[in-house]
């Protein structure tokens, strides 16, 4: 039986991902009654909601800026039972006015990272998205209750605006050097830690692109110092910040300049305004320093983003064959990352698991490779009723997409990987006389099928795999941006079921964490782009020159661990032994 974990959400985009993630877990609890594969109590506690009914609450400490939580109360929103009123009620609201904040602010759940409002108008929301116009902040689609100890609003900085925002790594570090702020954080942490029967570790969701990267650096340092025997798994999150391109639909229907449509030849989802060079470089500095510091004090660090790059040169965002999402809407991009995260973290939440978060991290990060990359096939292309060997044999290449903003490597190479497949029936394939059978059809168990499949694509890699029957539940508030070719259970069908796919309630998913050579380009590329002569005073605000140099040198050393052949004395032997 797995132990409990405490989750920390640091920053607004982390809140966007977190809100969807908690929604996915709540949806799983409402799913069909069947033998549980994942232990809900690993991440959730069960408190009293409205009316005194028992309801799931995340074991969560969330740090957010002033103005970033909308109508959510800092003292535990909606945790008190409502007071009944039998008298007459009069409504004095003006006609057409929203009853809650619709978020005309910048940098919210429907905007870009800093930022500018998300694209609005014709074509900005795919058909069937069911996105209400008022979805602007992550609190607008959070559908679980938070404990009064969960949410802490940092009032020194604003969530939006042209000034007073938490923009630089050094500003974030300074926040956690304030004794009052540290005391507030420790008080909340201790509350959740002390109620655990067996604390296995911490999950840290941290914005990389803004000043919360500095907050995360100090938070992970605090966790490392105080809980050195527990695992610290950190997910560095970055929204799709900017890109060159507009979708074909946008070119036809939006009012973007004609020259923009002529210059950009790559079809994409969403529209992004040009980024200020100074702010882009500030974001690059935050990302590089965040990766260096977070990897120093974490058991494992995984950058997660649908952005094509974390560097300065724009790249198209990640696309999926059966999802049509608007990359400029954080509400939609964060949902995809949350579904991947819910699958990637399954190994240390399994009811049958004896391994802890620390063991999980150690299996991936040997030879000093603290940073791993994430991949996901969402949904995994499969026809209803197909056996697992048939589903995997249909794909010559592994059908997943890279979610860590590094150059995708087409050659089969990785040092270690943890792979989870969920939502595919585990019935054996029927035998058909006269038809050739693949080696996968000869395997005795679903785990052996997946292990054999992985070995054929990644020979010599140290691979661990898990197969779950439980799919990823995708009921609202998860956006309904799926292809009409999918059934309600996320399987492929020959004909589209209509213009909308609002009925997709769950999907099969294949996801992996990999320690792979592709991370060499990501880490070393950030160092190359941060040449000292390009530093400006605002970019290094609150930082000493020597501290920045030390962090970049640390990042270069980390990058060298991913050179082909690095650490081969240990890793190759481990891979062959699996």
Foldseek 3Di string as FASTA:
>chain_A
DFFAAAEEQFEFLSLLLVLLLVVLLQVLVVDDDDPDFFASRNFWDWDQAAPRDTFTAGNAAYEYAPPQQWPADLQWRRRYHDDDDDDDDDDPDDPPDDPTALDPFFCAQFFANQGDGFDDDPQQFAPFQPDDSSPTGSNVFRDGIYHSLHYDYDHQAHSGDPDRHQFAQLSLLVQCVPVVSVVSVVVSVCVSVVVIPDYQYYEYEFEQQGNRLNVLLVVLVVCCVPPVRHAYEYEHEHAQHAAQEEAPRCVVTPPPDPVSHVVDDDHAAGHGDDDDPVSLVLRLLSNLLSVLSNLVRHLAYEYFYQFLASHDHGDGGDDAPWFRHHSRRSSQRSSVVSQQVSQAPRQSRTPPHPDGNNNVSCQAQPLNQRYWWKKKRVFQAAAPPDAPLVSLVVDPADPIDTGRNFDDDPAQEFLEKEKEWEQGDHDQDDDDPPDDDDPLNVDDGSQVSVVVSSCVRHPLHHYHYYYYNHFRFQAPVRTQRTHQQADLAGYGDPDRPDSGDNNNGTGIMMMMITHALRVLCRLVVSLVSPDPVPDDCVSQPNHDPVVSVVSNVSSNVSSVCRDVPRVCVPRSVNSVVD
